Protein backbone atom coordinates (compact mmCIF):
# COMPACT_ATOMS: atom_id res chain seq x y z
CA MET A 1 -105.92 20.43 -60.14
CA PRO A 2 -105.80 18.08 -57.68
CA VAL A 3 -106.64 14.45 -57.71
CA SER A 4 -109.47 12.55 -57.39
CA ALA A 5 -110.16 9.27 -57.45
CA ASN A 6 -113.23 10.01 -60.09
CA ARG A 7 -110.92 12.11 -62.09
CA VAL A 8 -108.37 9.14 -62.32
CA TRP A 9 -111.47 6.85 -63.18
CA ARG A 10 -112.13 9.36 -66.00
CA GLN A 11 -108.27 9.22 -67.24
CA LEU A 12 -108.52 5.01 -67.07
CA PRO A 13 -108.20 3.68 -70.83
CA ASN A 14 -111.49 1.98 -71.17
CA GLU A 15 -109.97 -1.70 -71.26
CA ILE A 16 -108.61 -1.01 -68.01
CA ARG A 17 -111.28 -0.05 -66.58
CA VAL A 18 -112.94 -3.26 -67.86
CA ALA A 19 -110.24 -4.98 -66.31
CA VAL A 20 -110.36 -2.87 -63.19
CA SER A 21 -114.13 -4.26 -62.89
CA GLN A 22 -113.85 -7.91 -63.72
CA THR A 23 -111.69 -8.23 -60.59
CA PHE A 24 -114.02 -6.42 -58.28
CA TRP A 25 -116.94 -8.42 -59.61
CA ALA A 26 -114.49 -11.34 -59.14
CA VAL A 27 -113.51 -10.64 -56.03
CA SER A 28 -116.12 -8.44 -53.62
CA LYS A 29 -118.21 -9.05 -50.67
CA GLY A 30 -122.45 -9.09 -50.53
CA ALA A 31 -122.43 -5.30 -48.91
CA GLU A 32 -119.80 -3.76 -51.81
CA LYS A 33 -121.64 -5.08 -54.65
CA GLN A 34 -124.90 -3.92 -53.32
CA PHE A 35 -123.28 -0.47 -52.84
CA LEU A 36 -121.82 -0.68 -56.39
CA ILE A 37 -125.24 -2.38 -57.16
CA ALA A 38 -127.51 0.81 -56.04
CA THR A 39 -124.86 3.32 -57.61
CA LEU A 40 -125.00 1.68 -61.10
CA ALA A 41 -129.45 1.77 -61.56
CA LYS A 42 -129.14 5.60 -59.91
CA ALA A 43 -126.68 6.16 -63.18
CA LYS A 44 -128.35 3.95 -65.17
CA ASN A 45 -131.94 4.66 -64.87
CA LEU A 46 -132.86 1.19 -64.07
CA ARG A 47 -134.67 -0.83 -61.41
CA GLU A 48 -132.33 -2.18 -58.92
CA VAL A 49 -133.64 -5.74 -59.43
CA PHE A 50 -132.85 -6.02 -62.80
CA VAL A 51 -128.85 -4.60 -61.53
CA ARG A 52 -129.06 -6.88 -59.23
CA LYS A 53 -130.38 -10.15 -61.74
CA SER A 54 -128.18 -8.66 -64.55
CA PRO A 55 -125.04 -10.90 -66.04
CA ILE A 56 -121.55 -10.48 -64.23
CA GLU A 57 -120.23 -9.14 -67.88
CA ARG A 58 -123.43 -6.85 -67.85
CA LEU A 59 -122.27 -5.36 -64.43
CA VAL A 60 -118.55 -5.33 -65.24
CA ASN A 61 -119.58 -3.40 -68.79
CA TRP A 62 -121.59 -0.41 -66.93
CA THR A 63 -119.25 0.00 -63.59
CA ALA A 64 -116.55 0.47 -66.29
CA SER A 65 -118.30 2.92 -68.63
CA THR A 66 -119.85 4.65 -66.00
CA GLN A 67 -117.73 7.97 -65.82
CA SER A 68 -118.25 9.15 -62.74
CA LEU A 69 -118.78 7.07 -59.42
CA PRO A 70 -118.26 8.36 -55.52
CA ASP A 71 -114.84 8.19 -54.52
CA PRO A 72 -115.59 5.34 -51.45
CA ILE A 73 -117.15 2.98 -54.85
CA VAL A 74 -114.01 4.23 -56.67
CA ASP A 75 -111.19 3.69 -54.11
CA ASP A 76 -112.40 0.16 -53.28
CA LEU A 77 -112.27 -0.96 -57.51
CA LEU A 78 -109.03 0.51 -57.09
CA LYS A 79 -107.82 -0.70 -54.07
CA LYS A 80 -109.20 -4.54 -55.48
CA TYR A 81 -107.54 -4.09 -58.66
CA LEU A 82 -104.01 -2.62 -57.33
CA LEU A 83 -103.85 -6.26 -54.95
CA HIS A 84 -104.99 -8.65 -56.91
CA GLU A 85 -103.14 -7.53 -60.77
CA HIS A 86 -100.85 -5.37 -58.89
CA ARG A 87 -99.74 -6.36 -55.68
CA ALA A 88 -95.82 -6.69 -56.94
CA VAL A 89 -95.69 -3.05 -58.09
CA ILE A 90 -97.02 -2.15 -53.93
CA VAL A 91 -94.63 -4.39 -52.82
CA SER A 92 -91.29 -2.98 -54.72
CA PHE A 93 -92.67 0.01 -53.79
CA LEU A 94 -92.74 -0.52 -50.52
CA ASP A 95 -89.34 -2.40 -50.47
CA LEU A 96 -87.67 1.20 -52.53
CA LEU A 97 -88.93 2.84 -49.19
CA ASN A 98 -88.04 0.49 -46.65
CA VAL A 99 -91.31 0.19 -44.88
CA PRO A 100 -92.59 -2.90 -43.43
CA HIS A 101 -95.10 -4.44 -44.99
CA SER A 102 -96.84 -8.37 -45.40
CA GLU A 103 -98.05 -8.76 -48.74
CA GLY A 104 -97.54 -5.09 -49.80
CA MET A 105 -100.25 -4.59 -46.67
CA ILE A 106 -98.31 -1.75 -44.64
CA GLU A 107 -97.51 -2.60 -40.88
CA GLU A 108 -99.98 -1.12 -38.44
CA ASN A 109 -97.22 0.63 -36.44
CA PHE A 110 -95.42 1.77 -39.16
CA ASP A 111 -94.60 5.37 -38.26
CA TYR A 112 -95.60 7.77 -41.54
CA ALA A 113 -93.16 10.19 -40.05
CA SER A 114 -90.43 8.84 -41.09
CA LEU A 115 -90.70 9.36 -44.91
CA THR A 116 -89.66 12.21 -46.73
CA ASN A 117 -90.91 13.76 -49.34
CA ASP A 118 -87.75 13.25 -51.45
CA ARG A 119 -87.42 10.72 -50.43
CA VAL A 120 -91.30 9.26 -51.85
CA GLN A 121 -90.44 11.03 -54.52
CA GLU A 122 -86.87 9.21 -55.35
CA ALA A 123 -89.04 5.39 -54.49
CA ALA A 124 -91.89 7.12 -57.29
CA ARG A 125 -89.59 8.29 -60.22
CA ASN A 126 -87.25 4.13 -59.65
CA LEU A 127 -91.18 2.63 -59.58
CA LEU A 128 -92.56 4.18 -62.73
CA ARG A 129 -88.77 2.66 -64.50
CA SER A 130 -90.04 -0.46 -63.99
CA THR A 131 -91.50 -2.66 -66.36
CA ASP A 132 -95.68 -2.40 -65.28
CA ARG A 133 -95.25 1.45 -65.77
CA ILE A 134 -98.94 1.14 -65.92
CA GLY A 135 -99.78 -0.98 -62.51
CA SER A 136 -96.89 1.83 -61.33
CA GLU A 137 -98.71 4.66 -62.77
CA LEU A 138 -102.15 3.64 -61.00
CA TYR A 139 -100.75 2.18 -58.65
CA LEU A 140 -99.23 5.80 -57.69
CA ARG A 141 -101.83 7.99 -58.42
CA TYR A 142 -103.61 5.41 -56.35
CA ILE A 143 -102.18 6.28 -53.01
CA VAL A 144 -101.63 9.83 -54.03
CA LEU A 145 -105.29 10.14 -52.94
CA GLN A 146 -105.20 8.82 -49.39
CA GLY A 147 -102.29 12.03 -48.35
CA GLU A 148 -100.02 12.64 -45.88
CA PRO A 149 -97.00 11.72 -46.84
CA TRP A 150 -97.85 10.20 -50.27
CA ALA A 151 -98.94 13.65 -52.21
CA GLY A 152 -95.98 14.90 -53.16
CA ILE A 153 -95.77 12.01 -56.26
CA GLU A 154 -98.14 13.91 -57.99
CA GLU A 155 -95.09 16.02 -58.52
CA VAL A 156 -93.28 13.43 -60.31
CA LEU A 157 -96.18 11.57 -61.77
CA PRO A 158 -96.86 12.33 -65.73
CA THR A 159 -99.50 14.79 -66.90
CA THR A 160 -102.50 13.27 -68.29
CA GLU A 161 -104.33 15.94 -69.27
């Protein structure tokens, strides 16, 4: 079964979804928050103004407990969480691949065609052996969502179903 952002979200333990949600509400800007507020209002059958005026703790809990969110929102939630809480995992992975980056952000002129599937999978296996197993697995699941050249990582990830 192909990986989707929603599938990754649903498979996360609640405590990780809470941590992801906390990071999002702490670091996101107005437009990003507004999109999620509108989504939560619809999902929870609440008025948007009520959701907007709700305390952060409630927003975090509503976000974490909503099992189905639009893929762009889940992508943003995961990206912010990984960059703020597991940046070392991202840096380690890119270093394993000798990918030029600035604190985990791949340089724009990098030629992705230089990455072979075997090389990417081997780096993923090495990353999964790291001390931050949870962050490593989540990061690898996240980049699989980005497509090539990362899609082959799915073959080396532990099964979750």
